[in-house]
Amino acid sequence: MEKIKHITKLSDFHVFANLPSPKHPLISLIDFSKVQFPEDIKGLKLVQNYYTIGLKRNVPYKLFYGQKEYDFNEGLMTFLAPNQVMSMERNPNINLSGPLKPSGYLLLIHPDFIWNSTLAKSIKDYDYFNYEINESLFLSEDEEHMMLNIFKNIEKEYRANIDKFSQKIIISQLELLLNYAERFYERQFLTRNKTNHQLLSQVEAYLDNYFKNDNLIEVGLPSVEKISSALNLSSSYLSSMLKSLTGMSTQQHIHNKLIEKAKQELTTTQLSISEIAYKLGFEYPSSFNKLFKGKTEMSPVEFRKTFN
């Protein structure tokens, strides 16, 4: 029987991980080598009310979102947003009594700590916090050193008594860390051309098969959610991957495929504009006309005339 544990306060996490109390109720910087989760952690689902940023080596746990495993590979950094359901179990590939010991940092930030700052709004723009299929961030040696220095700068302020100045300094360091992470994630996506091309092929194949359905008038238009669900990806992850490769979001790929199929129908069939619209899954022909003209600068009727 799975249990769900809600961790609302940073101090609750410290108790859960067998750590001393945090120095501040809204932010905590933890030496990962000192974390000791309960032995019976398997089957326990956790919901945390704060952001977690980790830079860790030799992680002795497998991390899951729902039924999906977090892909650590050789990556070092992980990013978790509030209210995400996660679970863990021991990683049998890591020997806790072996020579390679867990090391690194866990940084916990309650949303109230950054309240009324520019980061409070912008933190939601960092997609890597919200991927349903997660992969950790790989860092080169120089990048790891850079990130560790930022953690150490935060640690200096955290170890002192936090006042309004140290809070501003910590937030500015957080923004710096997140911006570097965004840069490094984009590089990580771009250097995986083979994987990206495979993903692009999967999207193209999905859309081609979708439009072979003879019942689109009832099924409706393809959507970002339908594609991402079929590929077992979150919509934000899928769009990030496609944008890094093609410069276009998933929605733009859908629109391009719609226009491609519409042009085929307009030039190879005698179907009316309304019939083509319904065949492609549009509920209203006017919506089809609007999209087609917006993408081609011609109405469907004008486009068809150029081929007559």
C-alpha atoms as a PDB file:
ATOM      1  CA  MET A   1       0.000   0.000   0.000  1.00  0.00           C
ATOM      2  CA  GLU A   2       1.571   3.267  -1.116  1.00  0.00           C
ATOM      3  CA  LYS A   3       1.675   6.096   1.393  1.00  0.00           C
ATOM      4  CA  ILE A   4       1.825   9.808   0.630  1.00  0.00           C
ATOM      5  CA  LYS A   5       3.864  12.077   2.857  1.00  0.00           C
ATOM      6  CA  HIS A   6       3.343  15.838   2.552  1.00  0.00           C
ATOM      7  CA  ILE A   7       6.403  17.820   3.573  1.00  0.00           C
ATOM      8  CA  THR A   8       5.234  21.381   4.025  1.00  0.00           C
ATOM      9  CA  LYS A   9       8.125  22.844   6.014  1.00  0.00           C
ATOM     10  CA  LEU A  10      11.866  22.667   5.481  1.00  0.00           C
ATOM     11  CA  SER A  11      12.256  21.572   9.093  1.00  0.00           C
ATOM     12  CA  ASP A  12      10.047  18.538   8.309  1.00  0.00           C
ATOM     13  CA  PHE A  13      12.436  17.497   5.552  1.00  0.00           C
ATOM     14  CA  HIS A  14      15.360  17.809   7.947  1.00  0.00           C
ATOM     15  CA  VAL A  15      13.616  15.438  10.346  1.00  0.00           C
ATOM     16  CA  PHE A  16      12.788  13.073   7.480  1.00  0.00           C
ATOM     17  CA  ALA A  17      16.434  13.057   6.296  1.00  0.00           C
ATOM     18  CA  ASN A  18      17.815  12.756   9.843  1.00  0.00           C
ATOM     19  CA  LEU A  19      19.468  16.184   9.750  1.00  0.00           C
ATOM     20  CA  PRO A  20      19.874  18.965  12.333  1.00  0.00           C
ATOM     21  CA  SER A  21      17.291  21.754  12.183  1.00  0.00           C
ATOM     22  CA  PRO A  22      17.745  24.281   9.344  1.00  0.00           C
ATOM     23  CA  LYS A  23      19.277  27.647  10.135  1.00  0.00           C
ATOM     24  CA  HIS A  24      16.386  29.440   8.444  1.00  0.00           C
ATOM     25  CA  PRO A  25      12.725  28.368   8.081  1.00  0.00           C
ATOM     26  CA  LEU A  26      12.536  29.274   4.375  1.00  0.00           C
ATOM     27  CA  ILE A  27      15.910  28.228   2.948  1.00  0.00           C
ATOM     28  CA  SER A  28      18.278  25.397   3.689  1.00  0.00           C
ATOM     29  CA  LEU A  29      21.610  24.342   2.217  1.00  0.00           C
ATOM     30  CA  ILE A  30      22.367  20.706   2.988  1.00  0.00           C
ATOM     31  CA  ASP A  31      25.564  18.676   2.726  1.00  0.00           C
ATOM     32  CA  PHE A  32      24.252  15.703   0.746  1.00  0.00           C
ATOM     33  CA  SER A  33      26.751  13.302   2.321  1.00  0.00           C
ATOM     34  CA  LYS A  34      24.903  13.768   5.637  1.00  0.00           C
ATOM     35  CA  VAL A  35      21.437  12.905   4.297  1.00  0.00           C
ATOM     36  CA  GLN A  36      20.036   9.679   5.765  1.00  0.00           C
ATOM     37  CA  PHE A  37      16.605   8.798   4.460  1.00  0.00           C
ATOM     38  CA  PRO A  38      14.548   6.100   6.243  1.00  0.00           C
ATOM     39  CA  GLU A  39      15.293   2.492   5.300  1.00  0.00           C
ATOM     40  CA  ASP A  40      11.652   1.776   4.414  1.00  0.00           C
ATOM     41  CA  ILE A  41      11.438   4.582   1.842  1.00  0.00           C
ATOM     42  CA  LYS A  42      10.311   2.325  -1.030  1.00  0.00           C
ATOM     43  CA  GLY A  43       6.602   2.741  -1.758  1.00  0.00           C
ATOM     44  CA  LEU A  44       6.483   6.159  -0.089  1.00  0.00           C
ATOM     45  CA  LYS A  45       5.342   9.073  -2.226  1.00  0.00           C
ATOM     46  CA  LEU A  46       6.549  12.549  -1.238  1.00  0.00           C
ATOM     47  CA  VAL A  47       4.931  15.894  -1.979  1.00  0.00           C
ATOM     48  CA  GLN A  48       7.144  18.851  -1.069  1.00  0.00           C
ATOM     49  CA  ASN A  49       6.020  22.479  -0.806  1.00  0.00           C
ATOM     50  CA  TYR A  50       9.343  23.996  -1.852  1.00  0.00           C
ATOM     51  CA  TYR A  51      11.897  24.075  -4.652  1.00  0.00           C
ATOM     52  CA  THR A  52      14.810  21.645  -4.487  1.00  0.00           C
ATOM     53  CA  ILE A  53      18.051  22.126  -6.407  1.00  0.00           C
ATOM     54  CA  GLY A  54      20.621  19.371  -6.127  1.00  0.00           C
ATOM     55  CA  LEU A  55      24.224  19.052  -7.220  1.00  0.00           C
ATOM     56  CA  LYS A  56      25.114  15.499  -6.228  1.00  0.00           C
ATOM     57  CA  ARG A  57      27.516  12.670  -6.997  1.00  0.00           C
ATOM     58  CA  ASN A  58      27.102   8.941  -6.262  1.00  0.00           C
ATOM     59  CA  VAL A  59      23.389   9.248  -5.545  1.00  0.00           C
ATOM     60  CA  PRO A  60      22.350   6.122  -3.600  1.00  0.00           C
ATOM     61  CA  TYR A  61      18.684   6.459  -4.608  1.00  0.00           C
ATOM     62  CA  LYS A  62      16.577   6.116  -7.710  1.00  0.00           C
ATOM     63  CA  LEU A  63      14.137   8.977  -8.078  1.00  0.00           C
ATOM     64  CA  PHE A  64      10.702   8.629  -9.715  1.00  0.00           C
ATOM     65  CA  TYR A  65       7.915  10.978 -10.816  1.00  0.00           C
ATOM     66  CA  GLY A  66       4.801   8.836 -10.753  1.00  0.00           C
ATOM     67  CA  GLN A  67       5.938   5.679 -12.529  1.00  0.00           C
ATOM     68  CA  LYS A  68       8.721   7.391 -14.454  1.00  0.00           C
ATOM     69  CA  GLU A  69      12.332   7.139 -13.379  1.00  0.00           C
ATOM     70  CA  TYR A  70      14.432  10.287 -13.163  1.00  0.00           C
ATOM     71  CA  ASP A  71      17.326   9.867 -15.576  1.00  0.00           C
ATOM     72  CA  PHE A  72      20.516  10.676 -13.679  1.00  0.00           C
ATOM     73  CA  ASN A  73      22.968   9.107 -16.162  1.00  0.00           C
ATOM     74  CA  GLU A  74      26.159  11.067 -15.572  1.00  0.00           C
ATOM     75  CA  GLY A  75      24.272  14.248 -14.831  1.00  0.00           C
ATOM     76  CA  LEU A  76      24.940  16.088 -11.627  1.00  0.00           C
ATOM     77  CA  MET A  77      22.153  18.613 -11.141  1.00  0.00           C
ATOM     78  CA  THR A  78      18.447  18.075 -10.496  1.00  0.00           C
ATOM     79  CA  PHE A  79      15.595  20.573 -10.209  1.00  0.00           C
ATOM     80  CA  LEU A  80      12.290  19.878  -8.470  1.00  0.00           C
ATOM     81  CA  ALA A  81       9.335  22.271  -8.225  1.00  0.00           C
ATOM     82  CA  PRO A  82       6.830  22.499  -5.358  1.00  0.00           C
ATOM     83  CA  ASN A  83       3.875  20.104  -5.214  1.00  0.00           C
ATOM     84  CA  GLN A  84       5.370  17.511  -7.545  1.00  0.00           C
ATOM     85  CA  VAL A  85       4.806  13.906  -6.504  1.00  0.00           C
ATOM     86  CA  MET A  86       8.035  11.975  -6.221  1.00  0.00           C
ATOM     87  CA  SER A  87       9.193   8.661  -4.814  1.00  0.00           C
ATOM     88  CA  MET A  88      12.544   7.014  -4.140  1.00  0.00           C
ATOM     89  CA  GLU A  89      14.112   3.652  -3.631  1.00  0.00           C
ATOM     90  CA  ARG A  90      17.621   2.452  -2.919  1.00  0.00           C
ATOM     91  CA  ASN A  91      19.912   2.289  -5.952  1.00  0.00           C
ATOM     92  CA  PRO A  92      21.503  -1.181  -5.922  1.00  0.00           C
ATOM     93  CA  ASN A  93      24.312   0.064  -8.167  1.00  0.00           C
ATOM     94  CA  ILE A  94      25.624   2.345  -5.407  1.00  0.00           C
ATOM     95  CA  ASN A  95      27.393   0.632  -2.526  1.00  0.00           C
ATOM     96  CA  LEU A  96      27.035   2.887   0.515  1.00  0.00           C
ATOM     97  CA  SER A  97      29.963   1.138   2.213  1.00  0.00           C
ATOM     98  CA  GLY A  98      32.157   1.390  -0.890  1.00  0.00           C
ATOM     99  CA  PRO A  99      34.869   3.927  -1.669  1.00  0.00           C
ATOM    100  CA  LEU A 100      32.550   6.273  -3.594  1.00  0.00           C
ATOM    101  CA  LYS A 101      30.554   8.223  -1.024  1.00  0.00           C
ATOM    102  CA  PRO A 102      27.577  10.482  -1.759  1.00  0.00           C
ATOM    103  CA  SER A 103      28.606  14.128  -1.960  1.00  0.00           C
ATOM    104  CA  GLY A 104      27.316  17.510  -3.022  1.00  0.00           C
ATOM    105  CA  TYR A 105      24.566  19.945  -2.047  1.00  0.00           C
ATOM    106  CA  LEU A 106      20.807  20.047  -1.676  1.00  0.00           C
ATOM    107  CA  LEU A 107      19.339  23.537  -1.718  1.00  0.00           C
ATOM    108  CA  LEU A 108      15.747  23.871  -0.476  1.00  0.00           C
ATOM    109  CA  ILE A 109      13.916  27.141  -1.160  1.00  0.00           C
ATOM    110  CA  HIS A 110      10.423  27.845   0.091  1.00  0.00           C
ATOM    111  CA  PRO A 111       8.442  30.091  -2.320  1.00  0.00           C
ATOM    112  CA  ASP A 112       7.988  32.615   0.503  1.00  0.00           C
ATOM    113  CA  PHE A 113      11.753  33.209   0.585  1.00  0.00           C
ATOM    114  CA  ILE A 114      11.693  34.716  -2.919  1.00  0.00           C
ATOM    115  CA  TRP A 115       8.284  36.351  -2.552  1.00  0.00           C
ATOM    116  CA  ASN A 116       8.118  39.940  -3.833  1.00  0.00           C
ATOM    117  CA  SER A 117      11.315  39.525  -5.886  1.00  0.00           C
ATOM    118  CA  THR A 118      11.783  39.325  -9.649  1.00  0.00           C
ATOM    119  CA  LEU A 119      12.721  35.663  -9.210  1.00  0.00           C
ATOM    120  CA  ALA A 120       9.266  34.878  -7.779  1.00  0.00           C
ATOM    121  CA  LYS A 121       7.801  35.473 -11.240  1.00  0.00           C
ATOM    122  CA  SER A 122      10.646  34.300 -13.444  1.00  0.00           C
ATOM    123  CA  ILE A 123      11.290  30.982 -11.672  1.00  0.00           C
ATOM    124  CA  LYS A 124       8.160  29.565 -13.337  1.00  0.00           C
ATOM    125  CA  ASP A 125       9.765  30.205 -16.735  1.00  0.00           C
ATOM    126  CA  TYR A 126      12.522  27.651 -16.180  1.00  0.00           C
ATOM    127  CA  ASP A 127      11.084  24.578 -17.902  1.00  0.00           C
ATOM    128  CA  TYR A 128      13.565  22.163 -16.370  1.00  0.00           C
ATOM    129  CA  PHE A 129      11.738  22.354 -13.025  1.00  0.00           C
ATOM    130  CA  ASN A 130       8.581  20.828 -14.494  1.00  0.00           C
ATOM    131  CA  TYR A 131       9.522  18.021 -16.856  1.00  0.00           C
ATOM    132  CA  GLU A 132       7.417  14.911 -16.320  1.00  0.00           C
ATOM    133  CA  ILE A 133      10.195  12.798 -17.787  1.00  0.00           C
ATOM    134  CA  ASN A 134      13.239  14.239 -16.132  1.00  0.00           C
ATOM    135  CA  GLU A 135      16.865  14.079 -16.965  1.00  0.00           C
ATOM    136  CA  SER A 136      19.562  15.516 -14.776  1.00  0.00           C
ATOM    137  CA  LEU A 137      21.901  18.206 -16.014  1.00  0.00           C
ATOM    138  CA  PHE A 138      25.312  17.042 -17.163  1.00  0.00           C
ATOM    139  CA  LEU A 139      28.159  19.409 -16.340  1.00  0.00           C
ATOM    140  CA  SER A 140      31.679  19.604 -17.665  1.00  0.00           C
ATOM    141  CA  GLU A 141      34.437  19.946 -15.096  1.00  0.00           C
ATOM    142  CA  ASP A 142      34.599  23.723 -15.575  1.00  0.00           C
ATOM    143  CA  GLU A 143      30.805  24.049 -15.393  1.00  0.00           C
ATOM    144  CA  GLU A 144      30.674  21.960 -12.230  1.00  0.00           C
ATOM    145  CA  HIS A 145      33.341  24.161 -10.657  1.00  0.00           C
ATOM    146  CA  MET A 146      31.347  27.260 -11.631  1.00  0.00           C
ATOM    147  CA  MET A 147      28.133  25.892 -10.092  1.00  0.00           C
ATOM    148  CA  LEU A 148      29.936  24.777  -6.931  1.00  0.00           C
ATOM    149  CA  ASN A 149      31.271  28.303  -6.486  1.00  0.00           C
ATOM    150  CA  ILE A 150      27.715  29.662  -6.630  1.00  0.00           C
ATOM    151  CA  PHE A 151      26.606  27.118  -4.017  1.00  0.00           C
ATOM    152  CA  LYS A 152      29.537  28.162  -1.837  1.00  0.00           C
ATOM    153  CA  ASN A 153      28.585  31.834  -2.195  1.00  0.00           C
ATOM    154  CA  ILE A 154      25.068  30.955  -1.075  1.00  0.00           C
ATOM    155  CA  GLU A 155      26.521  28.887   1.762  1.00  0.00           C
ATOM    156  CA  LYS A 156      28.505  31.870   3.087  1.00  0.00           C
ATOM    157  CA  GLU A 157      25.349  33.930   3.377  1.00  0.00           C
ATOM    158  CA  TYR A 158      23.322  31.010   4.701  1.00  0.00           C
ATOM    159  CA  ARG A 159      25.805  30.252   7.480  1.00  0.00           C
ATOM    160  CA  ALA A 160      25.663  33.857   8.660  1.00  0.00           C
ATOM    161  CA  ASN A 161      22.539  35.316  10.209  1.00  0.00           C
ATOM    162  CA  ILE A 162      20.261  36.013   7.252  1.00  0.00           C
ATOM    163  CA  ASP A 163      19.160  39.634   7.029  1.00  0.00           C
ATOM    164  CA  LYS A 164      17.532  41.602   4.208  1.00  0.00           C
ATOM    165  CA  PHE A 165      20.907  42.086   2.513  1.00  0.00           C
ATOM    166  CA  SER A 166      21.936  38.451   2.628  1.00  0.00           C
ATOM    167  CA  GLN A 167      18.480  37.488   1.331  1.00  0.00           C
ATOM    168  CA  LYS A 168      18.970  39.745  -1.700  1.00  0.00           C
ATOM    169  CA  ILE A 169      22.442  38.314  -2.244  1.00  0.00           C
ATOM    170  CA  ILE A 170      21.178  34.730  -2.060  1.00  0.00           C
ATOM    171  CA  ILE A 171      18.363  35.493  -4.507  1.00  0.00           C
ATOM    172  CA  SER A 172      20.798  37.096  -6.943  1.00  0.00           C
ATOM    173  CA  GLN A 173      23.043  34.023  -6.685  1.00  0.00           C
ATOM    174  CA  LEU A 174      20.002  31.815  -7.277  1.00  0.00           C
ATOM    175  CA  GLU A 175      19.133  33.752 -10.431  1.00  0.00           C
ATOM    176  CA  LEU A 176      22.717  33.355 -11.620  1.00  0.00           C
ATOM    177  CA  LEU A 177      22.633  29.604 -10.949  1.00  0.00           C
ATOM    178  CA  LEU A 178      19.299  29.143 -12.751  1.00  0.00           C
ATOM    179  CA  ASN A 179      20.412  31.154 -15.772  1.00  0.00           C
ATOM    180  CA  TYR A 180      23.582  29.086 -16.093  1.00  0.00           C
ATOM    181  CA  ALA A 181      21.487  25.924 -15.727  1.00  0.00           C
ATOM    182  CA  GLU A 182      19.239  27.098 -18.559  1.00  0.00           C
ATOM    183  CA  ARG A 183      22.271  27.679 -20.777  1.00  0.00           C
ATOM    184  CA  PHE A 184      23.764  24.279 -19.933  1.00  0.00           C
ATOM    185  CA  TYR A 185      20.457  22.464 -20.475  1.00  0.00           C
ATOM    186  CA  GLU A 186      20.095  24.040 -23.905  1.00  0.00           C
ATOM    187  CA  ARG A 187      23.616  22.910 -24.742  1.00  0.00           C
ATOM    188  CA  GLN A 188      22.728  19.431 -23.474  1.00  0.00           C
ATOM    189  CA  PHE A 189      19.724  19.298 -25.798  1.00  0.00           C
ATOM    190  CA  LEU A 190      21.708  20.583 -28.776  1.00  0.00           C
ATOM    191  CA  THR A 191      24.519  18.053 -28.350  1.00  0.00           C
ATOM    192  CA  ARG A 192      22.035  15.178 -28.526  1.00  0.00           C
ATOM    193  CA  ASN A 193      21.336  15.508 -32.240  1.00  0.00           C
ATOM    194  CA  LYS A 194      20.680  11.811 -32.729  1.00  0.00           C
ATOM    195  CA  THR A 195      18.116  11.701 -29.933  1.00  0.00           C
ATOM    196  CA  ASN A 196      16.563  14.947 -31.103  1.00  0.00           C
ATOM    197  CA  HIS A 197      16.273  13.736 -34.689  1.00  0.00           C
ATOM    198  CA  GLN A 198      14.661  10.527 -33.483  1.00  0.00           C
ATOM    199  CA  LEU A 199      12.167  12.596 -31.501  1.00  0.00           C
ATOM    200  CA  LEU A 200      11.430  14.778 -34.527  1.00  0.00           C
ATOM    201  CA  SER A 201      10.844  11.646 -36.608  1.00  0.00           C
ATOM    202  CA  GLN A 202       8.468  10.330 -33.942  1.00  0.00           C
ATOM    203  CA  VAL A 203       6.479  13.580 -33.999  1.00  0.00           C
ATOM    204  CA  GLU A 204       6.298  13.518 -37.799  1.00  0.00           C
ATOM    205  CA  ALA A 205       5.207   9.862 -37.797  1.00  0.00           C
ATOM    206  CA  TYR A 206       2.570  10.550 -35.149  1.00  0.00           C
ATOM    207  CA  LEU A 207       1.082  13.435 -37.145  1.00  0.00           C
ATOM    208  CA  ASP A 208       1.124  11.486 -40.419  1.00  0.00           C
ATOM    209  CA  ASN A 209      -0.691   8.572 -38.770  1.00  0.00           C
ATOM    210  CA  TYR A 210      -3.101  10.944 -37.030  1.00  0.00           C
ATOM    211  CA  PHE A 211      -4.277  12.423 -40.325  1.00  0.00           C
ATOM    212  CA  LYS A 212      -4.892   8.935 -41.754  1.00  0.00           C
ATOM    213  CA  ASN A 213      -7.824   8.677 -39.332  1.00  0.00           C
ATOM    214  CA  ASP A 214     -11.084   8.839 -41.272  1.00  0.00           C
ATOM    215  CA  ASN A 215     -12.968  10.003 -38.196  1.00  0.00           C
ATOM    216  CA  LEU A 216     -11.207  13.300 -37.429  1.00  0.00           C
ATOM    217  CA  ILE A 217     -14.508  15.168 -37.447  1.00  0.00           C
ATOM    218  CA  GLU A 218     -15.228  13.387 -34.152  1.00  0.00           C
ATOM    219  CA  VAL A 219     -11.662  12.980 -32.857  1.00  0.00           C
ATOM    220  CA  GLY A 220     -10.764  16.612 -33.507  1.00  0.00           C
ATOM    221  CA  LEU A 221      -7.484  18.334 -34.241  1.00  0.00           C
ATOM    222  CA  PRO A 222      -4.178  16.957 -33.015  1.00  0.00           C
ATOM    223  CA  SER A 223      -2.944  18.751 -29.905  1.00  0.00           C
ATOM    224  CA  VAL A 224       0.305  19.246 -28.025  1.00  0.00           C
ATOM    225  CA  GLU A 225      -1.149  17.233 -25.145  1.00  0.00           C
ATOM    226  CA  LYS A 226      -2.100  14.303 -27.396  1.00  0.00           C
ATOM    227  CA  ILE A 227       1.366  14.115 -28.946  1.00  0.00           C
ATOM    228  CA  SER A 228       3.282  14.493 -25.685  1.00  0.00           C
ATOM    229  CA  SER A 229       1.101  11.857 -24.032  1.00  0.00           C
ATOM    230  CA  ALA A 230       1.637   9.428 -26.920  1.00  0.00           C
ATOM    231  CA  LEU A 231       5.414   9.916 -26.650  1.00  0.00           C
ATOM    232  CA  ASN A 232       5.403   9.739 -22.823  1.00  0.00           C
ATOM    233  CA  LEU A 233       6.778  13.265 -22.550  1.00  0.00           C
ATOM    234  CA  SER A 234       5.512  16.397 -20.891  1.00  0.00           C
ATOM    235  CA  SER A 235       4.374  19.130 -23.280  1.00  0.00           C
ATOM    236  CA  SER A 236       7.048  21.562 -22.012  1.00  0.00           C
ATOM    237  CA  TYR A 237       9.853  18.994 -22.452  1.00  0.00           C
ATOM    238  CA  LEU A 238       8.700  18.104 -25.969  1.00  0.00           C
ATOM    239  CA  SER A 239       8.528  21.754 -27.048  1.00  0.00           C
ATOM    240  CA  SER A 240      11.961  22.483 -25.557  1.00  0.00           C
ATOM    241  CA  MET A 241      13.511  19.572 -27.445  1.00  0.00           C
ATOM    242  CA  LEU A 242      11.840  20.511 -30.734  1.00  0.00           C
ATOM    243  CA  LYS A 243      12.736  24.181 -30.369  1.00  0.00           C
ATOM    244  CA  SER A 244      16.382  23.363 -29.693  1.00  0.00           C
ATOM    245  CA  LEU A 245      16.502  21.381 -32.956  1.00  0.00           C
ATOM    246  CA  THR A 246      14.141  23.205 -35.321  1.00  0.00           C
ATOM    247  CA  GLY A 247      13.399  26.553 -33.686  1.00  0.00           C
ATOM    248  CA  MET A 248       9.703  25.647 -33.670  1.00  0.00           C
ATOM    249  CA  SER A 249       7.404  24.608 -30.836  1.00  0.00           C
ATOM    250  CA  THR A 250       5.184  21.521 -30.942  1.00  0.00           C
ATOM    251  CA  GLN A 251       2.174  23.700 -31.805  1.00  0.00           C
ATOM    252  CA  GLN A 252       4.034  25.170 -34.779  1.00  0.00           C
ATOM    253  CA  HIS A 253       4.834  21.654 -35.998  1.00  0.00           C
ATOM    254  CA  ILE A 254       1.141  20.777 -35.763  1.00  0.00           C
ATOM    255  CA  HIS A 255       0.166  23.879 -37.732  1.00  0.00           C
ATOM    256  CA  ASN A 256       2.764  23.166 -40.416  1.00  0.00           C
ATOM    257  CA  LYS A 257       1.482  19.613 -40.805  1.00  0.00           C
ATOM    258  CA  LEU A 258      -2.110  20.885 -40.992  1.00  0.00           C
ATOM    259  CA  ILE A 259      -1.179  23.281 -43.779  1.00  0.00           C
ATOM    260  CA  GLU A 260       0.726  20.542 -45.610  1.00  0.00           C
ATOM    261  CA  LYS A 261      -2.273  18.195 -45.471  1.00  0.00           C
ATOM    262  CA  ALA A 262      -4.663  21.009 -46.401  1.00  0.00           C
ATOM    263  CA  LYS A 263      -2.617  21.836 -49.505  1.00  0.00           C
ATOM    264  CA  GLN A 264      -2.710  18.173 -50.536  1.00  0.00           C
ATOM    265  CA  GLU A 265      -6.495  18.108 -50.228  1.00  0.00           C
ATOM    266  CA  LEU A 266      -6.938  21.427 -52.017  1.00  0.00           C
ATOM    267  CA  THR A 267      -4.806  20.380 -54.990  1.00  0.00           C
ATOM    268  CA  THR A 268      -5.677  16.686 -55.350  1.00  0.00           C
ATOM    269  CA  THR A 269      -9.396  16.489 -54.470  1.00  0.00           C
ATOM    270  CA  GLN A 270     -12.641  18.199 -55.428  1.00  0.00           C
ATOM    271  CA  LEU A 271     -13.797  18.412 -51.791  1.00  0.00           C
ATOM    272  CA  SER A 272     -15.311  21.719 -50.723  1.00  0.00           C
ATOM    273  CA  ILE A 273     -13.439  23.950 -48.270  1.00  0.00           C
ATOM    274  CA  SER A 274     -15.852  22.969 -45.508  1.00  0.00           C
ATOM    275  CA  GLU A 275     -15.395  19.271 -46.252  1.00  0.00           C
ATOM    276  CA  ILE A 276     -11.616  19.626 -46.086  1.00  0.00           C
ATOM    277  CA  ALA A 277     -11.878  21.525 -42.807  1.00  0.00           C
ATOM    278  CA  TYR A 278     -13.993  18.771 -41.225  1.00  0.00           C
ATOM    279  CA  LYS A 279     -11.761  16.057 -42.684  1.00  0.00           C
ATOM    280  CA  LEU A 280      -8.742  17.627 -40.978  1.00  0.00           C
ATOM    281  CA  GLY A 281     -10.531  17.785 -37.621  1.00  0.00           C
ATOM    282  CA  PHE A 282     -11.661  21.410 -37.510  1.00  0.00           C
ATOM    283  CA  GLU A 283     -14.936  22.009 -35.726  1.00  0.00           C
ATOM    284  CA  TYR A 284     -15.621  25.151 -37.752  1.00  0.00           C
ATOM    285  CA  PRO A 285     -14.538  25.870 -41.365  1.00  0.00           C
ATOM    286  CA  SER A 286     -13.952  29.502 -40.404  1.00  0.00           C
ATOM    287  CA  SER A 287     -11.164  28.368 -38.035  1.00  0.00           C
ATOM    288  CA  PHE A 288      -9.560  26.434 -40.884  1.00  0.00           C
ATOM    289  CA  ASN A 289      -9.776  29.474 -43.183  1.00  0.00           C
ATOM    290  CA  LYS A 290      -8.217  31.716 -40.547  1.00  0.00           C
ATOM    291  CA  LEU A 291      -5.278  29.376 -39.858  1.00  0.00           C
ATOM    292  CA  PHE A 292      -4.634  28.708 -43.549  1.00  0.00           C
ATOM    293  CA  LYS A 293      -4.623  32.386 -44.468  1.00  0.00           C
ATOM    294  CA  GLY A 294      -2.471  33.247 -41.463  1.00  0.00           C
ATOM    295  CA  LYS A 295       0.155  30.715 -42.543  1.00  0.00           C
ATOM    296  CA  THR A 296       0.059  31.159 -46.340  1.00  0.00           C
ATOM    297  CA  GLU A 297      -1.290  34.723 -46.814  1.00  0.00           C
ATOM    298  CA  MET A 298      -3.940  33.209 -49.105  1.00  0.00           C
ATOM    299  CA  SER A 299      -7.372  31.814 -48.369  1.00  0.00           C
ATOM    300  CA  PRO A 300      -7.935  28.136 -49.225  1.00  0.00           C
ATOM    301  CA  VAL A 301     -10.035  29.215 -52.212  1.00  0.00           C
ATOM    302  CA  GLU A 302      -7.287  31.544 -53.480  1.00  0.00           C
ATOM    303  CA  PHE A 303      -4.682  28.815 -53.041  1.00  0.00           C
ATOM    304  CA  ARG A 304      -6.783  26.292 -54.968  1.00  0.00           C
ATOM    305  CA  LYS A 305      -7.272  28.753 -57.833  1.00  0.00           C
ATOM    306  CA  THR A 306      -3.509  29.007 -58.356  1.00  0.00           C
ATOM    307  CA  PHE A 307      -3.555  25.320 -59.352  1.00  0.00           C
ATOM    308  CA  ASN A 308      -6.492  25.576 -61.752  1.00  0.00           C
END
